[in-house]
Amino acid sequence: MRDTLRLLRASFPEASKVGWRKASRRLLKLKMDMTGADQDERIRAERHMRGREQFASLQRADAVVVSFGKSGRTWLRVMISRLYQQVYDLPEDILIGFDNFHNMDRRAPRLFFTHDNYIGDFTGNTDNKADFYDKKVLLMMRDPRDVAVSQFFQWRFRMPSEKKALNEYPAHDDETPIYDFVLHEGGGLPKIIDFMNLWAREMDKMRALCLIRYEDMRANPHSVLTEVAQFLDIPADAAAIQEAVDYASFENMKKKEADSSFRLSGARVAPGDKSNPDSYKTRRAKVGGYRDYFDDAQVAVIDALVEARLDPVYRYAATANADKPAE
């Protein structure tokens, strides 16, 4: 009964916010229909609205987790959630999402997770990260080649058509092959590299910043999660950290997604089609797995692009990551 009441306490405000956002977007669409706005005007207006919503959350956040989409954030979110569940005795079947854990226990922070897609559209800070300067920022990065391949499957099997238009991906009914998608300026590798490079230039301007890499989490999740817990001031001991690592193992995550174990966390941890393994949020978890989808000549082009354009601070040289199974 106690857990049920706490879940309700956390879920009602979140459901209200989600409902308000959906209503706001429906009203915006109606306004655009009435004014005869073209596609570009509609996209600008919605990106501005989403940016305003996210900026409001950013302003209230105690800490921020920033990553490009498909960089392993859900795995990190599950581990962080599990730490808070242990140290503050919170329910297991809900993931941390901004202030929901804070609403259940004031010791938990307001933790804002963002892919940093839209905030600059509202504030105008598209060539800097001034909106984040006074925040505690946990920056999670992953090899952009693996990200680009994961983005392809996200686009193909999970992404709504309106989201594709909003973020410059190929159209909903497009049959773009994976190689062309990865090299696509709008939603592919060049866009991911630009995102990473801008954050690289702005890192030193943050009040507090912790950079973690997906590959390091795969190689030594206990060590990286310990670093994350220290940065976020989570009072977790080594045993709690190991339990969170075990809880968020690839096999357990895949099972929980299939079983809808995180049903209160929405579609972000649910397969698009249970019969299609490529539609799962937890898909492969393989370091360097991008090579599996291309021939040697294509891999050479992709690697050369990363070598030429990506800031070396991330240590993603073309030969740095050989194919490795998930641990």
C-alpha atoms as a PDB file:
ATOM      1  CA  MET A   1       0.000   0.000   0.000  1.00  0.00           C
ATOM      2  CA  ARG A   2       2.787   2.425   0.876  1.00  0.00           C
ATOM      3  CA  ASP A   3       4.531   1.839  -2.463  1.00  0.00           C
ATOM      4  CA  THR A   4       1.227   2.290  -4.298  1.00  0.00           C
ATOM      5  CA  LEU A   5       0.628   5.648  -2.653  1.00  0.00           C
ATOM      6  CA  ARG A   6       4.135   6.784  -3.454  1.00  0.00           C
ATOM      7  CA  LEU A   7       3.750   5.715  -7.064  1.00  0.00           C
ATOM      8  CA  LEU A   8       0.505   7.630  -7.331  1.00  0.00           C
ATOM      9  CA  ARG A   9       2.093  10.679  -5.754  1.00  0.00           C
ATOM     10  CA  ALA A  10       4.894  10.623  -8.319  1.00  0.00           C
ATOM     11  CA  SER A  11       2.817   9.589 -11.321  1.00  0.00           C
ATOM     12  CA  PHE A  12      -0.037  12.088 -11.133  1.00  0.00           C
ATOM     13  CA  PRO A  13       2.106  15.216 -11.597  1.00  0.00           C
ATOM     14  CA  GLU A  14       4.022  13.551 -14.429  1.00  0.00           C
ATOM     15  CA  ALA A  15       0.824  12.403 -16.150  1.00  0.00           C
ATOM     16  CA  SER A  16      -0.542  15.918 -15.799  1.00  0.00           C
ATOM     17  CA  LYS A  17       2.574  17.400 -17.401  1.00  0.00           C
ATOM     18  CA  VAL A  18       2.471  14.896 -20.260  1.00  0.00           C
ATOM     19  CA  GLY A  19      -1.216  15.633 -20.820  1.00  0.00           C
ATOM     20  CA  TRP A  20      -0.555  19.366 -20.838  1.00  0.00           C
ATOM     21  CA  ARG A  21       2.269  18.995 -23.357  1.00  0.00           C
ATOM     22  CA  LYS A  22       0.095  16.909 -25.670  1.00  0.00           C
ATOM     23  CA  ALA A  23      -2.746  19.411 -25.401  1.00  0.00           C
ATOM     24  CA  SER A  24      -0.371  22.301 -26.114  1.00  0.00           C
ATOM     25  CA  ARG A  25       0.899  20.585 -29.233  1.00  0.00           C
ATOM     26  CA  ARG A  26      -2.632  19.878 -30.448  1.00  0.00           C
ATOM     27  CA  LEU A  27      -3.484  23.556 -29.961  1.00  0.00           C
ATOM     28  CA  LEU A  28      -0.357  24.575 -31.842  1.00  0.00           C
ATOM     29  CA  LYS A  29      -1.275  22.267 -34.725  1.00  0.00           C
ATOM     30  CA  LEU A  30      -4.772  23.769 -34.791  1.00  0.00           C
ATOM     31  CA  LYS A  31      -3.315  27.272 -34.873  1.00  0.00           C
ATOM     32  CA  MET A  32      -0.966  26.317 -37.717  1.00  0.00           C
ATOM     33  CA  ASP A  33      -3.889  24.802 -39.634  1.00  0.00           C
ATOM     34  CA  MET A  34      -5.963  27.954 -39.187  1.00  0.00           C
ATOM     35  CA  THR A  35      -3.157  30.253 -40.329  1.00  0.00           C
ATOM     36  CA  GLY A  36      -2.201  28.072 -43.284  1.00  0.00           C
ATOM     37  CA  ALA A  37       1.373  27.704 -42.087  1.00  0.00           C
ATOM     38  CA  ASP A  38       3.733  25.747 -44.326  1.00  0.00           C
ATOM     39  CA  GLN A  39       5.830  22.782 -43.171  1.00  0.00           C
ATOM     40  CA  ASP A  40       8.887  24.853 -42.269  1.00  0.00           C
ATOM     41  CA  GLU A  41       6.805  27.226 -40.119  1.00  0.00           C
ATOM     42  CA  ARG A  42       5.170  24.298 -38.362  1.00  0.00           C
ATOM     43  CA  ILE A  43       8.532  22.697 -37.570  1.00  0.00           C
ATOM     44  CA  ARG A  44       9.998  25.968 -36.269  1.00  0.00           C
ATOM     45  CA  ALA A  45       6.950  26.569 -34.075  1.00  0.00           C
ATOM     46  CA  GLU A  46       6.975  23.083 -32.564  1.00  0.00           C
ATOM     47  CA  ARG A  47      10.711  23.091 -31.963  1.00  0.00           C
ATOM     48  CA  HIS A  48      10.333  26.460 -30.212  1.00  0.00           C
ATOM     49  CA  MET A  49       7.506  25.084 -28.046  1.00  0.00           C
ATOM     50  CA  ARG A  50       9.469  21.958 -27.110  1.00  0.00           C
ATOM     51  CA  GLY A  51      12.482  24.127 -26.365  1.00  0.00           C
ATOM     52  CA  ARG A  52      10.440  26.302 -24.026  1.00  0.00           C
ATOM     53  CA  GLU A  53       9.138  23.234 -22.182  1.00  0.00           C
ATOM     54  CA  GLN A  54      12.606  21.741 -21.818  1.00  0.00           C
ATOM     55  CA  PHE A  55      14.192  25.036 -20.803  1.00  0.00           C
ATOM     56  CA  ALA A  56      11.661  25.312 -17.971  1.00  0.00           C
ATOM     57  CA  SER A  57      12.743  21.881 -16.710  1.00  0.00           C
ATOM     58  CA  LEU A  58      16.403  22.765 -17.130  1.00  0.00           C
ATOM     59  CA  GLN A  59      15.965  25.864 -14.989  1.00  0.00           C
ATOM     60  CA  ARG A  60      14.485  23.822 -12.120  1.00  0.00           C
ATOM     61  CA  ALA A  61      16.875  20.869 -12.362  1.00  0.00           C
ATOM     62  CA  ASP A  62      19.408  20.042  -9.666  1.00  0.00           C
ATOM     63  CA  ALA A  63      21.501  18.155 -12.232  1.00  0.00           C
ATOM     64  CA  VAL A  64      21.297  17.360 -15.933  1.00  0.00           C
ATOM     65  CA  VAL A  65      22.133  14.236 -17.957  1.00  0.00           C
ATOM     66  CA  VAL A  66      22.947  15.147 -21.566  1.00  0.00           C
ATOM     67  CA  SER A  67      23.415  12.668 -24.408  1.00  0.00           C
ATOM     68  CA  PHE A  68      22.702  12.283 -28.096  1.00  0.00           C
ATOM     69  CA  GLY A  69      19.881   9.818 -28.714  1.00  0.00           C
ATOM     70  CA  LYS A  70      20.851   6.118 -28.732  1.00  0.00           C
ATOM     71  CA  SER A  71      23.977   6.634 -26.635  1.00  0.00           C
ATOM     72  CA  GLY A  72      22.997   4.207 -23.879  1.00  0.00           C
ATOM     73  CA  ARG A  73      21.067   6.695 -21.741  1.00  0.00           C
ATOM     74  CA  THR A  74      18.288   4.250 -20.845  1.00  0.00           C
ATOM     75  CA  TRP A  75      20.844   1.820 -19.429  1.00  0.00           C
ATOM     76  CA  LEU A  76      22.368   4.630 -17.380  1.00  0.00           C
ATOM     77  CA  ARG A  77      18.913   5.782 -16.270  1.00  0.00           C
ATOM     78  CA  VAL A  78      18.035   2.293 -15.040  1.00  0.00           C
ATOM     79  CA  MET A  79      21.259   2.065 -13.015  1.00  0.00           C
ATOM     80  CA  ILE A  80      20.800   5.521 -11.500  1.00  0.00           C
ATOM     81  CA  SER A  81      17.170   4.724 -10.729  1.00  0.00           C
ATOM     82  CA  ARG A  82      18.188   1.507  -9.041  1.00  0.00           C
ATOM     83  CA  LEU A  83      20.640   3.360  -6.809  1.00  0.00           C
ATOM     84  CA  TYR A  84      17.966   5.803  -5.677  1.00  0.00           C
ATOM     85  CA  GLN A  85      15.501   2.951  -5.188  1.00  0.00           C
ATOM     86  CA  GLN A  86      17.946   1.281  -2.840  1.00  0.00           C
ATOM     87  CA  VAL A  87      19.196   4.254  -0.831  1.00  0.00           C
ATOM     88  CA  TYR A  88      15.767   5.905  -0.454  1.00  0.00           C
ATOM     89  CA  ASP A  89      13.564   2.765  -0.486  1.00  0.00           C
ATOM     90  CA  LEU A  90      11.652   3.763  -3.621  1.00  0.00           C
ATOM     91  CA  PRO A  91       9.434   1.487  -5.789  1.00  0.00           C
ATOM     92  CA  GLU A  92      11.206  -0.652  -8.361  1.00  0.00           C
ATOM     93  CA  ASP A  93       8.890  -0.458 -11.374  1.00  0.00           C
ATOM     94  CA  ILE A  94       9.380   3.217 -12.200  1.00  0.00           C
ATOM     95  CA  LEU A  95      12.424   5.012 -13.573  1.00  0.00           C
ATOM     96  CA  ILE A  96      13.640   8.422 -12.499  1.00  0.00           C
ATOM     97  CA  GLY A  97      12.191  11.131 -14.705  1.00  0.00           C
ATOM     98  CA  PHE A  98      12.945  14.699 -13.670  1.00  0.00           C
ATOM     99  CA  ASP A  99      11.067  15.256 -10.372  1.00  0.00           C
ATOM    100  CA  ASN A 100       9.106  12.016  -9.897  1.00  0.00           C
ATOM    101  CA  PHE A 101      11.594  10.560  -7.377  1.00  0.00           C
ATOM    102  CA  HIS A 102      11.877  13.995  -5.741  1.00  0.00           C
ATOM    103  CA  ASN A 103       8.110  13.972  -5.264  1.00  0.00           C
ATOM    104  CA  MET A 104       8.385  10.652  -3.414  1.00  0.00           C
ATOM    105  CA  ASP A 105      11.430  11.585  -1.337  1.00  0.00           C
ATOM    106  CA  ARG A 106      12.787  15.145  -1.162  1.00  0.00           C
ATOM    107  CA  ARG A 107      16.331  13.820  -0.765  1.00  0.00           C
ATOM    108  CA  ALA A 108      16.255  12.656  -4.388  1.00  0.00           C
ATOM    109  CA  PRO A 109      17.146  15.434  -6.847  1.00  0.00           C
ATOM    110  CA  ARG A 110      15.300  16.808  -9.820  1.00  0.00           C
ATOM    111  CA  LEU A 111      17.345  15.057 -12.501  1.00  0.00           C
ATOM    112  CA  PHE A 112      16.685  16.325 -16.022  1.00  0.00           C
ATOM    113  CA  PHE A 113      17.500  13.949 -18.892  1.00  0.00           C
ATOM    114  CA  THR A 114      17.829  15.646 -22.271  1.00  0.00           C
ATOM    115  CA  HIS A 115      19.097  14.926 -25.762  1.00  0.00           C
ATOM    116  CA  ASP A 116      19.544  18.692 -26.098  1.00  0.00           C
ATOM    117  CA  ASN A 117      17.474  18.783 -29.300  1.00  0.00           C
ATOM    118  CA  TYR A 118      15.335  21.864 -28.826  1.00  0.00           C
ATOM    119  CA  ILE A 119      16.459  24.184 -26.018  1.00  0.00           C
ATOM    120  CA  GLY A 120      18.542  26.315 -28.379  1.00  0.00           C
ATOM    121  CA  ASP A 121      15.503  26.785 -30.611  1.00  0.00           C
ATOM    122  CA  PHE A 122      13.844  28.608 -27.707  1.00  0.00           C
ATOM    123  CA  THR A 123      16.797  30.488 -26.217  1.00  0.00           C
ATOM    124  CA  GLY A 124      18.685  31.210 -29.438  1.00  0.00           C
ATOM    125  CA  ASN A 125      21.860  29.628 -28.022  1.00  0.00           C
ATOM    126  CA  THR A 126      22.462  27.286 -30.934  1.00  0.00           C
ATOM    127  CA  ASP A 127      26.239  27.807 -31.216  1.00  0.00           C
ATOM    128  CA  ASN A 128      27.040  27.523 -27.492  1.00  0.00           C
ATOM    129  CA  LYS A 129      25.825  25.791 -24.327  1.00  0.00           C
ATOM    130  CA  ALA A 130      25.262  28.924 -22.226  1.00  0.00           C
ATOM    131  CA  ASP A 131      21.919  27.523 -21.057  1.00  0.00           C
ATOM    132  CA  PHE A 132      23.844  24.812 -19.174  1.00  0.00           C
ATOM    133  CA  TYR A 133      26.758  26.834 -17.785  1.00  0.00           C
ATOM    134  CA  ASP A 134      25.458  27.087 -14.208  1.00  0.00           C
ATOM    135  CA  LYS A 135      24.268  23.481 -14.023  1.00  0.00           C
ATOM    136  CA  LYS A 136      25.824  20.240 -12.848  1.00  0.00           C
ATOM    137  CA  VAL A 137      26.087  18.332 -16.148  1.00  0.00           C
ATOM    138  CA  LEU A 138      26.638  14.590 -16.573  1.00  0.00           C
ATOM    139  CA  LEU A 139      27.623  14.261 -20.240  1.00  0.00           C
ATOM    140  CA  MET A 140      27.288  10.786 -21.731  1.00  0.00           C
ATOM    141  CA  MET A 141      28.875  10.031 -25.096  1.00  0.00           C
ATOM    142  CA  ARG A 142      29.162   6.968 -27.305  1.00  0.00           C
ATOM    143  CA  ASP A 143      31.115   6.177 -30.464  1.00  0.00           C
ATOM    144  CA  PRO A 144      29.171   8.195 -33.068  1.00  0.00           C
ATOM    145  CA  ARG A 145      29.394   5.351 -35.593  1.00  0.00           C
ATOM    146  CA  ASP A 146      27.513   3.007 -33.271  1.00  0.00           C
ATOM    147  CA  VAL A 147      25.099   5.834 -32.444  1.00  0.00           C
ATOM    148  CA  ALA A 148      24.381   6.443 -36.124  1.00  0.00           C
ATOM    149  CA  VAL A 149      23.571   2.765 -36.726  1.00  0.00           C
ATOM    150  CA  SER A 150      21.314   2.659 -33.655  1.00  0.00           C
ATOM    151  CA  GLN A 151      19.641   5.841 -34.883  1.00  0.00           C
ATOM    152  CA  PHE A 152      18.889   4.056 -38.166  1.00  0.00           C
ATOM    153  CA  PHE A 153      16.948   1.336 -36.365  1.00  0.00           C
ATOM    154  CA  GLN A 154      15.263   3.928 -34.140  1.00  0.00           C
ATOM    155  CA  TRP A 155      14.196   5.829 -37.276  1.00  0.00           C
ATOM    156  CA  ARG A 156      13.113   2.671 -39.086  1.00  0.00           C
ATOM    157  CA  PHE A 157      11.159   0.919 -36.350  1.00  0.00           C
ATOM    158  CA  ARG A 158      10.383   3.236 -33.417  1.00  0.00           C
ATOM    159  CA  MET A 159      10.239   6.878 -34.487  1.00  0.00           C
ATOM    160  CA  PRO A 160       6.854   8.547 -35.212  1.00  0.00           C
ATOM    161  CA  SER A 161       6.581  10.242 -38.600  1.00  0.00           C
ATOM    162  CA  GLU A 162       6.190  13.730 -37.094  1.00  0.00           C
ATOM    163  CA  LYS A 163       9.388  13.275 -35.064  1.00  0.00           C
ATOM    164  CA  LYS A 164      11.267  12.397 -38.246  1.00  0.00           C
ATOM    165  CA  ALA A 165      10.243  15.670 -39.869  1.00  0.00           C
ATOM    166  CA  LEU A 166      10.915  17.633 -36.689  1.00  0.00           C
ATOM    167  CA  ASN A 167      14.527  16.438 -36.469  1.00  0.00           C
ATOM    168  CA  GLU A 168      15.495  16.376 -40.171  1.00  0.00           C
ATOM    169  CA  TYR A 169      15.557  12.612 -40.586  1.00  0.00           C
ATOM    170  CA  PRO A 170      14.624  11.002 -43.912  1.00  0.00           C
ATOM    171  CA  ALA A 171      10.855  10.931 -44.490  1.00  0.00           C
ATOM    172  CA  HIS A 172       8.614   8.352 -42.846  1.00  0.00           C
ATOM    173  CA  ASP A 173       8.068   6.261 -45.995  1.00  0.00           C
ATOM    174  CA  ASP A 174      11.625   6.617 -47.241  1.00  0.00           C
ATOM    175  CA  GLU A 175      13.593   3.447 -48.069  1.00  0.00           C
ATOM    176  CA  THR A 176      17.016   4.943 -47.335  1.00  0.00           C
ATOM    177  CA  PRO A 177      19.632   2.164 -46.969  1.00  0.00           C
ATOM    178  CA  ILE A 178      21.602   2.089 -43.722  1.00  0.00           C
ATOM    179  CA  TYR A 179      24.849   3.334 -45.322  1.00  0.00           C
ATOM    180  CA  ASP A 180      23.129   6.356 -46.864  1.00  0.00           C
ATOM    181  CA  PHE A 181      21.354   7.043 -43.581  1.00  0.00           C
ATOM    182  CA  VAL A 182      24.613   7.007 -41.609  1.00  0.00           C
ATOM    183  CA  LEU A 183      26.154   9.558 -44.000  1.00  0.00           C
ATOM    184  CA  HIS A 184      22.996  11.696 -44.093  1.00  0.00           C
ATOM    185  CA  GLU A 185      23.756  15.263 -42.984  1.00  0.00           C
ATOM    186  CA  GLY A 186      20.403  15.693 -41.234  1.00  0.00           C
ATOM    187  CA  GLY A 187      20.096  12.648 -39.004  1.00  0.00           C
ATOM    188  CA  GLY A 188      23.293  10.689 -39.502  1.00  0.00           C
ATOM    189  CA  LEU A 189      26.930  10.714 -38.503  1.00  0.00           C
ATOM    190  CA  PRO A 190      27.688  14.352 -39.479  1.00  0.00           C
ATOM    191  CA  LYS A 191      24.922  15.623 -37.183  1.00  0.00           C
ATOM    192  CA  ILE A 192      26.137  13.466 -34.288  1.00  0.00           C
ATOM    193  CA  ILE A 193      29.714  14.684 -34.748  1.00  0.00           C
ATOM    194  CA  ASP A 194      28.563  18.321 -34.789  1.00  0.00           C
ATOM    195  CA  PHE A 195      26.668  17.733 -31.539  1.00  0.00           C
ATOM    196  CA  MET A 196      29.707  16.173 -29.876  1.00  0.00           C
ATOM    197  CA  ASN A 197      32.094  18.839 -31.149  1.00  0.00           C
ATOM    198  CA  LEU A 198      29.967  21.687 -29.812  1.00  0.00           C
ATOM    199  CA  TRP A 199      29.885  20.089 -26.376  1.00  0.00           C
ATOM    200  CA  ALA A 200      33.654  19.515 -26.568  1.00  0.00           C
ATOM    201  CA  ARG A 201      34.216  23.231 -27.181  1.00  0.00           C
ATOM    202  CA  GLU A 202      31.921  24.196 -24.299  1.00  0.00           C
ATOM    203  CA  MET A 203      32.935  21.678 -21.605  1.00  0.00           C
ATOM    204  CA  ASP A 204      35.266  24.001 -19.718  1.00  0.00           C
ATOM    205  CA  LYS A 205      32.520  26.590 -19.288  1.00  0.00           C
ATOM    206  CA  MET A 206      30.291  24.366 -17.147  1.00  0.00           C
ATOM    207  CA  ARG A 207      30.072  24.956 -13.403  1.00  0.00           C
ATOM    208  CA  ALA A 208      30.483  21.201 -12.921  1.00  0.00           C
ATOM    209  CA  LEU A 209      30.808  18.534 -15.594  1.00  0.00           C
ATOM    210  CA  CYS A 210      31.442  14.790 -15.614  1.00  0.00           C
ATOM    211  CA  LEU A 211      32.106  13.115 -18.981  1.00  0.00           C
ATOM    212  CA  ILE A 212      31.427   9.391 -19.236  1.00  0.00           C
ATOM    213  CA  ARG A 213      31.609   7.107 -22.253  1.00  0.00           C
ATOM    214  CA  TYR A 214      29.339   4.197 -23.100  1.00  0.00           C
ATOM    215  CA  GLU A 215      32.351   2.053 -23.978  1.00  0.00           C
ATOM    216  CA  ASP A 216      33.894   2.596 -20.547  1.00  0.00           C
ATOM    217  CA  MET A 217      30.576   1.651 -18.946  1.00  0.00           C
ATOM    218  CA  ARG A 218      30.577  -1.585 -20.931  1.00  0.00           C
ATOM    219  CA  ALA A 219      34.172  -2.366 -19.957  1.00  0.00           C
ATOM    220  CA  ASN A 220      33.831  -1.485 -16.260  1.00  0.00           C
ATOM    221  CA  PRO A 221      30.280  -0.510 -15.285  1.00  0.00           C
ATOM    222  CA  HIS A 222      30.999  -0.613 -11.538  1.00  0.00           C
ATOM    223  CA  SER A 223      33.793   1.941 -11.862  1.00  0.00           C
ATOM    224  CA  VAL A 224      31.812   4.329 -14.073  1.00  0.00           C
ATOM    225  CA  LEU A 225      28.670   4.072 -11.955  1.00  0.00           C
ATOM    226  CA  THR A 226      30.776   4.802  -8.874  1.00  0.00           C
ATOM    227  CA  GLU A 227      32.001   7.968 -10.596  1.00  0.00           C
ATOM    228  CA  VAL A 228      28.431   8.898 -11.515  1.00  0.00           C
ATOM    229  CA  ALA A 229      27.193   8.321  -7.957  1.00  0.00           C
ATOM    230  CA  GLN A 230      29.932  10.518  -6.551  1.00  0.00           C
ATOM    231  CA  PHE A 231      29.209  13.274  -9.066  1.00  0.00           C
ATOM    232  CA  LEU A 232      25.462  13.200  -8.338  1.00  0.00           C
ATOM    233  CA  ASP A 233      26.023  12.879  -4.571  1.00  0.00           C
ATOM    234  CA  ILE A 234      24.150   9.571  -4.367  1.00  0.00           C
ATOM    235  CA  PRO A 235      24.996   7.987  -0.977  1.00  0.00           C
ATOM    236  CA  ALA A 236      25.476   4.488  -2.398  1.00  0.00           C
ATOM    237  CA  ASP A 237      28.092   2.020  -1.181  1.00  0.00           C
ATOM    238  CA  ALA A 238      29.961  -0.491  -3.328  1.00  0.00           C
ATOM    239  CA  ALA A 239      27.348  -3.215  -2.720  1.00  0.00           C
ATOM    240  CA  ALA A 240      24.494  -0.979  -3.867  1.00  0.00           C
ATOM    241  CA  ILE A 241      26.442   0.000  -6.971  1.00  0.00           C
ATOM    242  CA  GLN A 242      27.126  -3.639  -7.843  1.00  0.00           C
ATOM    243  CA  GLU A 243      23.447  -4.496  -7.321  1.00  0.00           C
ATOM    244  CA  ALA A 244      22.465  -1.668  -9.703  1.00  0.00           C
ATOM    245  CA  VAL A 245      24.971  -2.906 -12.291  1.00  0.00           C
ATOM    246  CA  ASP A 246      23.618  -6.455 -12.053  1.00  0.00           C
ATOM    247  CA  TYR A 247      20.021  -5.223 -12.161  1.00  0.00           C
ATOM    248  CA  ALA A 248      20.701  -3.265 -15.363  1.00  0.00           C
ATOM    249  CA  SER A 249      22.550  -6.050 -17.180  1.00  0.00           C
ATOM    250  CA  PHE A 250      21.744  -6.369 -20.878  1.00  0.00           C
ATOM    251  CA  GLU A 251      19.882  -9.642 -20.390  1.00  0.00           C
ATOM    252  CA  ASN A 252      17.770  -8.278 -17.539  1.00  0.00           C
ATOM    253  CA  MET A 253      17.037  -5.022 -19.394  1.00  0.00           C
ATOM    254  CA  LYS A 254      15.900  -6.960 -22.466  1.00  0.00           C
ATOM    255  CA  LYS A 255      13.643  -9.155 -20.342  1.00  0.00           C
ATOM    256  CA  LYS A 256      12.140  -6.215 -18.475  1.00  0.00           C
ATOM    257  CA  GLU A 257      11.448  -4.374 -21.714  1.00  0.00           C
ATOM    258  CA  ALA A 258       9.689  -7.418 -23.167  1.00  0.00           C
ATOM    259  CA  ASP A 259       7.677  -7.865 -19.948  1.00  0.00           C
ATOM    260  CA  SER A 260       6.756  -4.145 -19.734  1.00  0.00           C
ATOM    261  CA  SER A 261       8.336  -4.040 -16.281  1.00  0.00           C
ATOM    262  CA  PHE A 262       8.807  -0.277 -16.570  1.00  0.00           C
ATOM    263  CA  ARG A 263       5.226   0.294 -17.648  1.00  0.00           C
ATOM    264  CA  LEU A 264       4.981   3.491 -15.607  1.00  0.00           C
ATOM    265  CA  SER A 265       7.878   5.023 -17.529  1.00  0.00           C
ATOM    266  CA  GLY A 266       6.029   5.147 -20.836  1.00  0.00           C
ATOM    267  CA  ALA A 267       7.028   4.092 -24.343  1.00  0.00           C
ATOM    268  CA  ARG A 268      10.677   5.044 -23.823  1.00  0.00           C
ATOM    269  CA  VAL A 269      11.338   1.490 -22.494  1.00  0.00           C
ATOM    270  CA  ALA A 270       9.049  -0.586 -24.684  1.00  0.00           C
ATOM    271  CA  PRO A 271       9.610  -2.389 -28.003  1.00  0.00           C
ATOM    272  CA  GLY A 272       7.939  -1.061 -31.131  1.00  0.00           C
ATOM    273  CA  ASP A 273       7.140  -4.657 -32.098  1.00  0.00           C
ATOM    274  CA  LYS A 274       7.832  -7.522 -29.683  1.00  0.00           C
ATOM    275  CA  SER A 275       8.404  -9.901 -32.609  1.00  0.00           C
ATOM    276  CA  ASN A 276      11.122  -7.687 -34.100  1.00  0.00           C
ATOM    277  CA  PRO A 277      14.384  -7.552 -32.094  1.00  0.00           C
ATOM    278  CA  ASP A 278      15.487  -4.439 -34.012  1.00  0.00           C
ATOM    279  CA  SER A 279      12.501  -2.506 -32.620  1.00  0.00           C
ATOM    280  CA  TYR A 280      13.611  -2.894 -29.000  1.00  0.00           C
ATOM    281  CA  LYS A 281      15.052  -0.003 -27.035  1.00  0.00           C
ATOM    282  CA  THR A 282      17.604  -2.494 -25.671  1.00  0.00           C
ATOM    283  CA  ARG A 283      18.780  -3.785 -29.032  1.00  0.00           C
ATOM    284  CA  ARG A 284      22.374  -5.096 -29.127  1.00  0.00           C
ATOM    285  CA  ALA A 285      24.640  -3.231 -26.684  1.00  0.00           C
ATOM    286  CA  LYS A 286      27.712  -4.002 -28.770  1.00  0.00           C
ATOM    287  CA  VAL A 287      30.829  -1.843 -28.885  1.00  0.00           C
ATOM    288  CA  GLY A 288      32.031  -1.321 -32.462  1.00  0.00           C
ATOM    289  CA  GLY A 289      29.005  -3.169 -33.809  1.00  0.00           C
ATOM    290  CA  TYR A 290      28.550  -0.668 -36.634  1.00  0.00           C
ATOM    291  CA  ARG A 291      31.076  -2.679 -38.672  1.00  0.00           C
ATOM    292  CA  ASP A 292      28.596  -5.547 -38.923  1.00  0.00           C
ATOM    293  CA  TYR A 293      26.423  -3.536 -41.317  1.00  0.00           C
ATOM    294  CA  PHE A 294      28.966  -2.351 -43.891  1.00  0.00           C
ATOM    295  CA  ASP A 295      31.599  -3.689 -46.265  1.00  0.00           C
ATOM    296  CA  ASP A 296      35.274  -2.785 -45.839  1.00  0.00           C
ATOM    297  CA  ALA A 297      35.126   0.160 -48.245  1.00  0.00           C
ATOM    298  CA  GLN A 298      32.121   1.642 -46.473  1.00  0.00           C
ATOM    299  CA  VAL A 299      33.737   1.187 -43.059  1.00  0.00           C
ATOM    300  CA  ALA A 300      36.808   3.015 -44.377  1.00  0.00           C
ATOM    301  CA  VAL A 301      34.684   5.999 -45.466  1.00  0.00           C
ATOM    302  CA  ILE A 302      32.845   6.105 -42.133  1.00  0.00           C
ATOM    303  CA  ASP A 303      36.061   5.822 -40.113  1.00  0.00           C
ATOM    304  CA  ALA A 304      37.732   8.553 -42.188  1.00  0.00           C
ATOM    305  CA  LEU A 305      34.836  10.907 -41.500  1.00  0.00           C
ATOM    306  CA  VAL A 306      35.188  10.394 -37.747  1.00  0.00           C
ATOM    307  CA  GLU A 307      38.968  10.723 -37.939  1.00  0.00           C
ATOM    308  CA  ALA A 308      38.753  13.994 -39.859  1.00  0.00           C
ATOM    309  CA  ARG A 309      35.917  15.736 -38.034  1.00  0.00           C
ATOM    310  CA  LEU A 310      35.468  14.495 -34.448  1.00  0.00           C
ATOM    311  CA  ASP A 311      37.188  16.278 -31.561  1.00  0.00           C
ATOM    312  CA  PRO A 312      39.895  13.944 -30.162  1.00  0.00           C
ATOM    313  CA  VAL A 313      38.833  14.655 -26.560  1.00  0.00           C
ATOM    314  CA  TYR A 314      36.422  11.713 -26.851  1.00  0.00           C
ATOM    315  CA  ARG A 315      39.173   9.247 -27.882  1.00  0.00           C
ATOM    316  CA  TYR A 316      37.255   7.700 -30.758  1.00  0.00           C
ATOM    317  CA  ALA A 317      40.067   7.136 -33.214  1.00  0.00           C
ATOM    318  CA  ALA A 318      39.164   4.885 -36.130  1.00  0.00           C
ATOM    319  CA  THR A 319      41.063   1.903 -34.724  1.00  0.00           C
ATOM    320  CA  ALA A 320      40.212   2.470 -31.059  1.00  0.00           C
ATOM    321  CA  ASN A 321      37.227   0.138 -30.759  1.00  0.00           C
ATOM    322  CA  ALA A 322      37.401  -3.352 -32.150  1.00  0.00           C
ATOM    323  CA  ASP A 323      34.239  -5.446 -32.222  1.00  0.00           C
ATOM    324  CA  LYS A 324      33.457  -6.613 -28.731  1.00  0.00           C
ATOM    325  CA  PRO A 325      30.447  -8.444 -27.308  1.00  0.00           C
ATOM    326  CA  ALA A 326      28.464  -6.733 -24.586  1.00  0.00           C
ATOM    327  CA  GLU A 327      29.577  -7.685 -21.104  1.00  0.00           C
END
